[in-house]
Amino acid sequence: MNRTITTQNTKILSHLAALACICAILASSSAADQPRDDEAKKHRIEALYEEYRRNFADVAAISAEGAMTQADPQSLLFVDVRNQDEQDVSMLPGAITDREFLKNPEAYKNRTVIAY
């Protein structure tokens, strides 16, 4: 059981890290490739996300609203899977880095892990 939890947590983090990379690539592409208005940007990001979800259908997804309405918010653990430059700018209060999480995933086995 413990190995399964560790494997699942590691898998979730790696999938979400891939999603973060997709978002970074989207953000860094040339201005000519970028949607020009907010609605177009939203549709582009949603399309990328849906494509990503199809590739990793076995990984549970949760919205920000869903995360905040958990029965026990203290059981939530936010894991920041963004690159170091982005983490240096800001992190959610109480969040830990993916590196910190992967040092000892067993320590968090009773928490709901939400990677962002």
N, C-alpha and C. Protein backbone atom coordinates (compact mmCIF):
# COMPACT_ATOMS: atom_id res chain seq x y z
N MET A 1 0.82 -1.20 0.00
CA MET A 1 0.00 0.00 0.00
C MET A 1 0.86 1.26 0.00
N ASN A 2 1.85 1.33 0.89
CA ASN A 2 2.68 2.52 0.96
C ASN A 2 3.43 2.76 -0.34
N ARG A 3 3.94 1.69 -0.96
CA ARG A 3 4.63 1.83 -2.24
C ARG A 3 3.69 2.35 -3.31
N THR A 4 2.43 1.88 -3.29
CA THR A 4 1.44 2.35 -4.25
C THR A 4 1.21 3.84 -4.07
N ILE A 5 1.08 4.29 -2.84
CA ILE A 5 0.86 5.72 -2.60
C ILE A 5 2.05 6.52 -3.12
N THR A 6 3.25 6.05 -2.82
CA THR A 6 4.45 6.75 -3.27
C THR A 6 4.50 6.80 -4.79
N THR A 7 4.23 5.69 -5.44
CA THR A 7 4.25 5.63 -6.90
C THR A 7 3.18 6.54 -7.48
N GLN A 8 1.99 6.53 -6.90
CA GLN A 8 0.92 7.39 -7.41
C GLN A 8 1.28 8.85 -7.23
N ASN A 9 1.81 9.22 -6.08
CA ASN A 9 2.17 10.62 -5.85
C ASN A 9 3.26 11.06 -6.81
N THR A 10 4.26 10.22 -7.01
CA THR A 10 5.33 10.55 -7.94
C THR A 10 4.79 10.69 -9.36
N LYS A 11 3.88 9.80 -9.74
CA LYS A 11 3.28 9.86 -11.07
C LYS A 11 2.47 11.14 -11.25
N ILE A 12 1.70 11.49 -10.24
CA ILE A 12 0.90 12.71 -10.31
C ILE A 12 1.81 13.93 -10.46
N LEU A 13 2.84 13.98 -9.65
CA LEU A 13 3.76 15.12 -9.73
C LEU A 13 4.43 15.21 -11.10
N SER A 14 4.83 14.07 -11.65
CA SER A 14 5.50 14.13 -12.95
C SER A 14 4.53 14.56 -14.04
N HIS A 15 3.27 14.12 -13.96
CA HIS A 15 2.28 14.54 -14.95
C HIS A 15 1.98 16.03 -14.84
N LEU A 16 1.89 16.51 -13.62
CA LEU A 16 1.60 17.92 -13.45
C LEU A 16 2.80 18.78 -13.79
N ALA A 17 3.99 18.26 -13.61
CA ALA A 17 5.18 18.98 -14.05
C ALA A 17 5.15 19.12 -15.57
N ALA A 18 4.69 18.07 -16.25
CA ALA A 18 4.58 18.14 -17.71
C ALA A 18 3.56 19.21 -18.11
N LEU A 19 2.46 19.30 -17.36
CA LEU A 19 1.47 20.34 -17.64
C LEU A 19 2.07 21.73 -17.43
N ALA A 20 2.87 21.88 -16.37
CA ALA A 20 3.53 23.17 -16.13
C ALA A 20 4.46 23.52 -17.28
N CYS A 21 5.14 22.51 -17.83
CA CYS A 21 6.01 22.75 -18.98
C CYS A 21 5.21 23.20 -20.20
N ILE A 22 4.06 22.57 -20.41
CA ILE A 22 3.21 22.96 -21.54
C ILE A 22 2.80 24.42 -21.38
N CYS A 23 2.42 24.80 -20.17
CA CYS A 23 2.02 26.19 -19.93
C CYS A 23 3.19 27.14 -20.15
N ALA A 24 4.39 26.74 -19.73
CA ALA A 24 5.57 27.59 -19.93
C ALA A 24 5.87 27.74 -21.41
N ILE A 25 5.74 26.66 -22.16
CA ILE A 25 5.99 26.73 -23.61
C ILE A 25 4.97 27.65 -24.26
N LEU A 26 3.72 27.50 -23.85
CA LEU A 26 2.68 28.36 -24.40
C LEU A 26 2.98 29.83 -24.08
N ALA A 27 3.41 30.09 -22.88
CA ALA A 27 3.70 31.47 -22.47
C ALA A 27 4.90 32.06 -23.20
N SER A 28 5.84 31.20 -23.60
CA SER A 28 7.06 31.72 -24.21
C SER A 28 7.04 31.71 -25.73
N SER A 29 5.97 31.21 -26.34
CA SER A 29 5.95 31.21 -27.80
C SER A 29 5.82 32.64 -28.32
N SER A 30 6.13 32.81 -29.59
CA SER A 30 6.18 34.16 -30.16
C SER A 30 4.83 34.85 -30.13
N ALA A 31 4.85 36.15 -30.13
CA ALA A 31 3.63 36.96 -30.06
C ALA A 31 2.70 36.67 -31.24
N ALA A 32 3.26 36.33 -32.39
CA ALA A 32 2.43 36.04 -33.56
C ALA A 32 1.58 34.80 -33.34
N ASP A 33 2.07 33.88 -32.50
CA ASP A 33 1.33 32.64 -32.24
C ASP A 33 0.32 32.79 -31.11
N GLN A 34 0.38 33.87 -30.38
CA GLN A 34 -0.46 34.05 -29.21
C GLN A 34 -1.85 34.55 -29.60
N PRO A 35 -2.87 34.01 -28.91
CA PRO A 35 -4.21 34.57 -29.11
C PRO A 35 -4.19 36.03 -28.68
N ARG A 36 -4.99 36.84 -29.35
CA ARG A 36 -4.93 38.29 -29.13
C ARG A 36 -5.81 38.79 -27.99
N ASP A 37 -6.86 38.06 -27.64
CA ASP A 37 -7.71 38.55 -26.55
C ASP A 37 -7.83 37.48 -25.45
N ASP A 38 -8.33 37.89 -24.31
CA ASP A 38 -8.41 36.99 -23.16
C ASP A 38 -9.26 35.76 -23.43
N GLU A 39 -10.36 35.94 -24.12
CA GLU A 39 -11.24 34.81 -24.40
C GLU A 39 -10.53 33.78 -25.29
N ALA A 40 -9.80 34.24 -26.29
CA ALA A 40 -9.05 33.34 -27.16
C ALA A 40 -7.94 32.63 -26.37
N LYS A 41 -7.29 33.36 -25.46
CA LYS A 41 -6.26 32.75 -24.63
C LYS A 41 -6.86 31.67 -23.74
N LYS A 42 -8.01 31.97 -23.18
CA LYS A 42 -8.68 31.00 -22.32
C LYS A 42 -9.01 29.73 -23.10
N HIS A 43 -9.55 29.88 -24.30
CA HIS A 43 -9.89 28.71 -25.12
C HIS A 43 -8.65 27.91 -25.49
N ARG A 44 -7.55 28.57 -25.78
CA ARG A 44 -6.30 27.90 -26.13
C ARG A 44 -5.77 27.08 -24.95
N ILE A 45 -5.78 27.68 -23.77
CA ILE A 45 -5.31 26.98 -22.58
C ILE A 45 -6.22 25.80 -22.25
N GLU A 46 -7.54 25.98 -22.37
CA GLU A 46 -8.47 24.89 -22.12
C GLU A 46 -8.27 23.75 -23.10
N ALA A 47 -7.99 24.07 -24.36
CA ALA A 47 -7.74 23.03 -25.37
C ALA A 47 -6.47 22.25 -25.04
N LEU A 48 -5.42 22.95 -24.64
CA LEU A 48 -4.19 22.27 -24.24
C LEU A 48 -4.42 21.38 -23.03
N TYR A 49 -5.18 21.88 -22.07
CA TYR A 49 -5.48 21.10 -20.88
C TYR A 49 -6.26 19.84 -21.22
N GLU A 50 -7.28 19.96 -22.06
CA GLU A 50 -8.08 18.79 -22.44
C GLU A 50 -7.22 17.75 -23.15
N GLU A 51 -6.31 18.20 -24.00
CA GLU A 51 -5.41 17.27 -24.67
C GLU A 51 -4.53 16.55 -23.64
N TYR A 52 -4.01 17.30 -22.71
CA TYR A 52 -3.20 16.74 -21.64
C TYR A 52 -4.01 15.73 -20.82
N ARG A 53 -5.24 16.07 -20.46
CA ARG A 53 -6.09 15.18 -19.66
C ARG A 53 -6.32 13.85 -20.37
N ARG A 54 -6.50 13.86 -21.68
CA ARG A 54 -6.70 12.61 -22.41
C ARG A 54 -5.48 11.71 -22.28
N ASN A 55 -4.30 12.30 -22.27
CA ASN A 55 -3.07 11.52 -22.17
C ASN A 55 -2.84 10.96 -20.76
N PHE A 56 -3.47 11.55 -19.76
CA PHE A 56 -3.27 11.13 -18.37
C PHE A 56 -4.61 10.98 -17.67
N ALA A 57 -5.49 10.20 -18.29
CA ALA A 57 -6.85 10.05 -17.78
C ALA A 57 -6.90 9.42 -16.39
N ASP A 58 -5.87 8.69 -16.00
CA ASP A 58 -5.87 8.02 -14.71
C ASP A 58 -5.49 8.95 -13.55
N VAL A 59 -5.12 10.19 -13.85
CA VAL A 59 -4.75 11.14 -12.81
C VAL A 59 -5.96 12.01 -12.49
N ALA A 60 -6.34 12.03 -11.21
CA ALA A 60 -7.49 12.82 -10.78
C ALA A 60 -7.22 14.31 -10.97
N ALA A 61 -8.22 15.04 -11.37
CA ALA A 61 -8.12 16.49 -11.53
C ALA A 61 -9.06 17.15 -10.52
N ILE A 62 -8.67 18.33 -10.07
CA ILE A 62 -9.52 19.08 -9.14
C ILE A 62 -9.38 20.56 -9.48
N SER A 63 -10.48 21.26 -9.45
CA SER A 63 -10.45 22.70 -9.71
C SER A 63 -10.02 23.43 -8.45
N ALA A 64 -9.66 24.68 -8.60
CA ALA A 64 -9.32 25.49 -7.43
C ALA A 64 -10.51 25.57 -6.49
N GLU A 65 -11.69 25.74 -7.05
CA GLU A 65 -12.89 25.81 -6.23
C GLU A 65 -13.11 24.49 -5.49
N GLY A 66 -12.90 23.38 -6.19
CA GLY A 66 -13.06 22.07 -5.57
C GLY A 66 -12.07 21.85 -4.44
N ALA A 67 -10.86 22.29 -4.64
CA ALA A 67 -9.83 22.14 -3.60
C ALA A 67 -10.21 22.93 -2.36
N MET A 68 -10.75 24.11 -2.54
CA MET A 68 -11.05 24.97 -1.41
C MET A 68 -12.31 24.55 -0.65
N THR A 69 -13.11 23.67 -1.25
CA THR A 69 -14.33 23.22 -0.58
C THR A 69 -14.18 21.82 0.00
N GLN A 70 -12.96 21.35 0.13
CA GLN A 70 -12.72 20.05 0.74
C GLN A 70 -13.28 20.06 2.16
N ALA A 71 -13.72 18.88 2.60
CA ALA A 71 -14.28 18.78 3.95
C ALA A 71 -13.28 19.20 5.01
N ASP A 72 -12.00 18.87 4.81
CA ASP A 72 -10.98 19.22 5.79
C ASP A 72 -9.82 19.92 5.09
N PRO A 73 -9.88 21.25 5.00
CA PRO A 73 -8.81 21.98 4.30
C PRO A 73 -7.42 21.71 4.88
N GLN A 74 -7.34 21.35 6.15
CA GLN A 74 -6.04 21.07 6.77
C GLN A 74 -5.40 19.81 6.20
N SER A 75 -6.21 18.95 5.54
CA SER A 75 -5.66 17.73 4.96
C SER A 75 -5.02 17.97 3.59
N LEU A 76 -5.20 19.18 3.05
CA LEU A 76 -4.66 19.50 1.72
C LEU A 76 -3.17 19.81 1.81
N LEU A 77 -2.43 19.35 0.81
CA LEU A 77 -1.01 19.69 0.69
C LEU A 77 -0.79 20.17 -0.74
N PHE A 78 -0.45 21.43 -0.89
CA PHE A 78 -0.17 21.98 -2.21
C PHE A 78 1.31 21.80 -2.50
N VAL A 79 1.59 21.18 -3.65
CA VAL A 79 2.97 20.93 -4.07
C VAL A 79 3.23 21.75 -5.33
N ASP A 80 4.19 22.65 -5.25
CA ASP A 80 4.53 23.54 -6.36
C ASP A 80 5.49 22.81 -7.30
N VAL A 81 5.02 22.48 -8.50
CA VAL A 81 5.83 21.75 -9.48
C VAL A 81 6.41 22.68 -10.55
N ARG A 82 6.27 23.98 -10.33
CA ARG A 82 6.82 24.94 -11.30
C ARG A 82 8.33 25.00 -11.17
N ASN A 83 8.97 25.66 -12.13
CA ASN A 83 10.43 25.76 -12.08
C ASN A 83 10.86 26.73 -10.97
N GLN A 84 12.13 26.67 -10.63
CA GLN A 84 12.66 27.45 -9.51
C GLN A 84 12.45 28.96 -9.70
N ASP A 85 12.63 29.46 -10.91
CA ASP A 85 12.43 30.89 -11.16
C ASP A 85 11.02 31.34 -10.79
N GLU A 86 10.03 30.52 -11.15
CA GLU A 86 8.65 30.87 -10.82
C GLU A 86 8.39 30.75 -9.33
N GLN A 87 8.97 29.73 -8.70
CA GLN A 87 8.81 29.57 -7.26
C GLN A 87 9.45 30.73 -6.50
N ASP A 88 10.56 31.25 -7.02
CA ASP A 88 11.23 32.37 -6.37
C ASP A 88 10.36 33.63 -6.36
N VAL A 89 9.47 33.76 -7.33
CA VAL A 89 8.58 34.91 -7.40
C VAL A 89 7.46 34.78 -6.37
N SER A 90 6.85 33.60 -6.30
CA SER A 90 5.77 33.41 -5.34
C SER A 90 5.43 31.93 -5.22
N MET A 91 4.90 31.58 -4.07
CA MET A 91 4.36 30.25 -3.81
C MET A 91 3.13 30.42 -2.93
N LEU A 92 2.22 29.47 -3.03
CA LEU A 92 1.06 29.50 -2.15
C LEU A 92 1.52 29.33 -0.70
N PRO A 93 0.90 30.05 0.22
CA PRO A 93 1.27 29.88 1.63
C PRO A 93 1.09 28.42 2.07
N GLY A 94 2.10 27.88 2.70
CA GLY A 94 2.04 26.50 3.18
C GLY A 94 2.41 25.45 2.14
N ALA A 95 2.60 25.85 0.89
CA ALA A 95 2.96 24.89 -0.16
C ALA A 95 4.41 24.45 0.02
N ILE A 96 4.72 23.28 -0.53
CA ILE A 96 6.09 22.80 -0.55
C ILE A 96 6.50 22.57 -2.00
N THR A 97 7.79 22.47 -2.25
CA THR A 97 8.26 22.22 -3.61
C THR A 97 8.15 20.73 -3.92
N ASP A 98 8.19 20.41 -5.20
CA ASP A 98 8.17 19.01 -5.61
C ASP A 98 9.41 18.28 -5.09
N ARG A 99 10.53 18.98 -5.03
CA ARG A 99 11.76 18.36 -4.52
C ARG A 99 11.59 17.97 -3.05
N GLU A 100 10.99 18.86 -2.28
CA GLU A 100 10.76 18.57 -0.86
C GLU A 100 9.80 17.39 -0.72
N PHE A 101 8.74 17.37 -1.52
CA PHE A 101 7.77 16.28 -1.48
C PHE A 101 8.43 14.94 -1.80
N LEU A 102 9.24 14.92 -2.86
CA LEU A 102 9.84 13.66 -3.31
C LEU A 102 10.92 13.13 -2.37
N LYS A 103 11.44 13.97 -1.48
CA LYS A 103 12.42 13.50 -0.48
C LYS A 103 11.79 12.49 0.47
N ASN A 104 10.50 12.67 0.76
CA ASN A 104 9.83 11.78 1.71
C ASN A 104 8.32 11.78 1.48
N PRO A 105 7.86 11.20 0.37
CA PRO A 105 6.43 11.21 0.08
C PRO A 105 5.59 10.49 1.14
N GLU A 106 6.18 9.54 1.84
CA GLU A 106 5.45 8.81 2.88
C GLU A 106 4.98 9.74 4.00
N ALA A 107 5.69 10.81 4.22
CA ALA A 107 5.33 11.75 5.28
C ALA A 107 3.98 12.43 4.99
N TYR A 108 3.54 12.38 3.75
CA TYR A 108 2.32 13.07 3.33
C TYR A 108 1.22 12.11 2.92
N LYS A 109 1.38 10.83 3.26
CA LYS A 109 0.44 9.81 2.76
C LYS A 109 -1.00 10.02 3.23
N ASN A 110 -1.21 10.71 4.33
CA ASN A 110 -2.56 10.94 4.82
C ASN A 110 -3.13 12.28 4.38
N ARG A 111 -2.44 12.95 3.49
CA ARG A 111 -2.87 14.27 3.00
C ARG A 111 -3.39 14.12 1.57
N THR A 112 -4.22 15.05 1.16
CA THR A 112 -4.66 15.13 -0.23
C THR A 112 -3.65 16.03 -0.93
N VAL A 113 -2.89 15.44 -1.85
CA VAL A 113 -1.82 16.17 -2.54
C VAL A 113 -2.39 16.83 -3.78
N ILE A 114 -2.18 18.14 -3.88
CA ILE A 114 -2.62 18.90 -5.04
C ILE A 114 -1.39 19.59 -5.62
N ALA A 115 -0.97 19.14 -6.78
CA ALA A 115 0.18 19.74 -7.45
C ALA A 115 -0.29 20.90 -8.31
N TYR A 116 0.50 21.95 -8.33
CA TYR A 116 0.16 23.10 -9.18
C TYR A 116 1.42 23.63 -9.82
